[in-house]
């Protein structure tokens, strides 16, 4: 997950799930990018991660979904170093949701 300094939470309701207390509000989010759903190339994942940074800058936050494939983990290691040189930060989805409560 990538967020920029200006945060925005994009709510998405999926209330049809069983066990959801409809009387209590809950927060959900939609992803902006599947970073590795149709590739096994590190370069493709890196390009999608860079696109996620641009989405975060434009929207205030961006959510990426990936899997623990070896090529994805390699791309994330490299991306972590890159993102430290930018104006965005990596945060967990829980942290993003908590920041929106404030």
C-alpha atoms as a PDB file:
ATOM      1  CA  UNK A   1       0.000   0.000   0.000  1.00  0.00           C
ATOM      2  CA  UNK A   2       1.245   3.400  -0.882  1.00  0.00           C
ATOM      3  CA  UNK A   3      -0.062   6.692   0.394  1.00  0.00           C
ATOM      4  CA  UNK A   4       0.881  10.249  -0.263  1.00  0.00           C
ATOM      5  CA  UNK A   5       0.756  13.103   2.210  1.00  0.00           C
ATOM      6  CA  UNK A   6      -2.804  13.965   1.221  1.00  0.00           C
ATOM      7  CA  UNK A   7      -4.865  10.928   2.192  1.00  0.00           C
ATOM      8  CA  UNK A   8      -8.136   9.770   0.744  1.00  0.00           C
ATOM      9  CA  UNK A   9     -10.110   6.640   1.564  1.00  0.00           C
ATOM     10  CA  UNK A  10     -12.214   5.125  -1.151  1.00  0.00           C
ATOM     11  CA  UNK A  11     -15.081   3.319   0.582  1.00  0.00           C
ATOM     12  CA  UNK A  12     -16.617   0.225  -0.949  1.00  0.00           C
ATOM     13  CA  UNK A  13     -19.450  -1.663   0.697  1.00  0.00           C
ATOM     14  CA  UNK A  14     -19.726  -5.432   0.479  1.00  0.00           C
ATOM     15  CA  UNK A  15     -22.473  -5.998   3.000  1.00  0.00           C
ATOM     16  CA  UNK A  16     -23.644  -9.292   1.551  1.00  0.00           C
ATOM     17  CA  UNK A  17     -20.874 -11.150   3.396  1.00  0.00           C
ATOM     18  CA  UNK A  18     -22.242 -13.461   6.065  1.00  0.00           C
ATOM     19  CA  UNK A  19     -21.634 -12.511   9.652  1.00  0.00           C
ATOM     20  CA  UNK A  20     -21.512  -8.768   9.015  1.00  0.00           C
ATOM     21  CA  UNK A  21     -23.326  -6.701  11.602  1.00  0.00           C
ATOM     22  CA  UNK A  22     -25.300  -4.369   9.364  1.00  0.00           C
ATOM     23  CA  UNK A  23     -26.106  -2.083  12.293  1.00  0.00           C
ATOM     24  CA  UNK A  24     -22.429  -1.213  12.717  1.00  0.00           C
ATOM     25  CA  UNK A  25     -20.598   0.763  10.056  1.00  0.00           C
ATOM     26  CA  UNK A  26     -17.446  -0.762   8.693  1.00  0.00           C
ATOM     27  CA  UNK A  27     -14.749   0.371   6.338  1.00  0.00           C
ATOM     28  CA  UNK A  28     -13.630  -1.404   3.211  1.00  0.00           C
ATOM     29  CA  UNK A  29     -11.423  -0.464   0.313  1.00  0.00           C
ATOM     30  CA  UNK A  30     -10.913  -1.336  -3.310  1.00  0.00           C
ATOM     31  CA  UNK A  31      -7.519  -1.946  -4.782  1.00  0.00           C
ATOM     32  CA  UNK A  32      -5.980   0.246  -7.437  1.00  0.00           C
ATOM     33  CA  UNK A  33      -3.596  -2.300  -8.914  1.00  0.00           C
ATOM     34  CA  UNK A  34      -3.095  -6.064  -8.999  1.00  0.00           C
ATOM     35  CA  UNK A  35       0.671  -5.963  -9.149  1.00  0.00           C
ATOM     36  CA  UNK A  36       1.372  -9.550 -10.202  1.00  0.00           C
ATOM     37  CA  UNK A  37      -1.859 -11.226 -11.294  1.00  0.00           C
ATOM     38  CA  UNK A  38      -0.871 -12.019 -14.882  1.00  0.00           C
ATOM     39  CA  UNK A  39       2.917 -12.012 -14.923  1.00  0.00           C
ATOM     40  CA  UNK A  40       5.910 -13.843 -13.568  1.00  0.00           C
ATOM     41  CA  UNK A  41       8.364 -11.072 -14.442  1.00  0.00           C
ATOM     42  CA  UNK A  42       9.949  -8.882 -11.795  1.00  0.00           C
ATOM     43  CA  UNK A  43      10.154  -5.986 -14.280  1.00  0.00           C
ATOM     44  CA  UNK A  44       6.378  -6.028 -14.810  1.00  0.00           C
ATOM     45  CA  UNK A  45       5.752  -5.948 -11.061  1.00  0.00           C
ATOM     46  CA  UNK A  46       8.220  -3.078 -10.625  1.00  0.00           C
ATOM     47  CA  UNK A  47       6.465  -1.081 -13.343  1.00  0.00           C
ATOM     48  CA  UNK A  48       3.122  -1.615 -11.622  1.00  0.00           C
ATOM     49  CA  UNK A  49       4.560  -0.560  -8.291  1.00  0.00           C
ATOM     50  CA  UNK A  50       5.834   2.656  -9.868  1.00  0.00           C
ATOM     51  CA  UNK A  51       2.369   3.208 -11.362  1.00  0.00           C
ATOM     52  CA  UNK A  52       0.966   2.758  -7.849  1.00  0.00           C
ATOM     53  CA  UNK A  53       3.163   5.635  -6.634  1.00  0.00           C
ATOM     54  CA  UNK A  54       1.724   7.864  -9.336  1.00  0.00           C
ATOM     55  CA  UNK A  55      -1.811   6.813  -8.386  1.00  0.00           C
ATOM     56  CA  UNK A  56      -1.087   7.673  -4.750  1.00  0.00           C
ATOM     57  CA  UNK A  57       0.180  11.095  -5.757  1.00  0.00           C
ATOM     58  CA  UNK A  58      -2.909  11.722  -7.863  1.00  0.00           C
ATOM     59  CA  UNK A  59      -5.547  10.283  -5.504  1.00  0.00           C
ATOM     60  CA  UNK A  60      -3.863  10.655  -2.120  1.00  0.00           C
ATOM     61  CA  UNK A  61      -3.645   6.906  -1.537  1.00  0.00           C
ATOM     62  CA  UNK A  62      -3.286   3.738  -3.576  1.00  0.00           C
ATOM     63  CA  UNK A  63      -3.835   0.107  -2.682  1.00  0.00           C
ATOM     64  CA  UNK A  64      -1.920  -2.652  -4.416  1.00  0.00           C
ATOM     65  CA  UNK A  65      -2.563  -6.365  -4.112  1.00  0.00           C
ATOM     66  CA  UNK A  66       0.094  -8.981  -4.737  1.00  0.00           C
ATOM     67  CA  UNK A  67       1.113 -12.515  -3.889  1.00  0.00           C
ATOM     68  CA  UNK A  68       4.286 -13.853  -2.251  1.00  0.00           C
ATOM     69  CA  UNK A  69       5.782 -15.027  -5.552  1.00  0.00           C
ATOM     70  CA  UNK A  70       9.586 -14.888  -5.715  1.00  0.00           C
ATOM     71  CA  UNK A  71       9.478 -12.244  -8.494  1.00  0.00           C
ATOM     72  CA  UNK A  72       7.034 -10.128  -6.508  1.00  0.00           C
ATOM     73  CA  UNK A  73       9.162 -10.263  -3.364  1.00  0.00           C
ATOM     74  CA  UNK A  74      12.270  -9.302  -5.357  1.00  0.00           C
ATOM     75  CA  UNK A  75      10.429  -6.351  -6.873  1.00  0.00           C
ATOM     76  CA  UNK A  76       9.174  -5.248  -3.464  1.00  0.00           C
ATOM     77  CA  UNK A  77      12.691  -5.313  -2.002  1.00  0.00           C
ATOM     78  CA  UNK A  78      13.916  -3.067  -4.776  1.00  0.00           C
ATOM     79  CA  UNK A  79      10.818  -0.871  -4.600  1.00  0.00           C
ATOM     80  CA  UNK A  80      11.218  -0.333  -0.859  1.00  0.00           C
ATOM     81  CA  UNK A  81      14.590   1.327  -1.485  1.00  0.00           C
ATOM     82  CA  UNK A  82      13.130   3.436  -4.289  1.00  0.00           C
ATOM     83  CA  UNK A  83      10.116   4.636  -2.329  1.00  0.00           C
ATOM     84  CA  UNK A  84      12.378   6.028   0.400  1.00  0.00           C
ATOM     85  CA  UNK A  85      13.585   8.568  -2.158  1.00  0.00           C
ATOM     86  CA  UNK A  86      10.039   9.766  -2.960  1.00  0.00           C
ATOM     87  CA  UNK A  87       7.319  11.791  -1.258  1.00  0.00           C
ATOM     88  CA  UNK A  88       5.192   8.692  -0.586  1.00  0.00           C
ATOM     89  CA  UNK A  89       5.353   6.064   2.112  1.00  0.00           C
ATOM     90  CA  UNK A  90       4.448   2.401   2.337  1.00  0.00           C
ATOM     91  CA  UNK A  91       1.845   1.612   4.968  1.00  0.00           C
ATOM     92  CA  UNK A  92      -0.368  -1.318   5.827  1.00  0.00           C
ATOM     93  CA  UNK A  93      -4.007  -1.281   4.855  1.00  0.00           C
ATOM     94  CA  UNK A  94      -4.931  -1.221   8.548  1.00  0.00           C
ATOM     95  CA  UNK A  95      -2.781   1.880   9.068  1.00  0.00           C
ATOM     96  CA  UNK A  96      -4.415   3.631   6.133  1.00  0.00           C
ATOM     97  CA  UNK A  97      -7.902   2.877   7.443  1.00  0.00           C
ATOM     98  CA  UNK A  98      -6.933   4.019  10.945  1.00  0.00           C
ATOM     99  CA  UNK A  99      -5.519   7.267   9.572  1.00  0.00           C
ATOM    100  CA  UNK A 100      -8.844   7.972   7.892  1.00  0.00           C
ATOM    101  CA  UNK A 101     -10.716   7.651  11.202  1.00  0.00           C
ATOM    102  CA  UNK A 102      -8.840  10.666  12.566  1.00  0.00           C
END
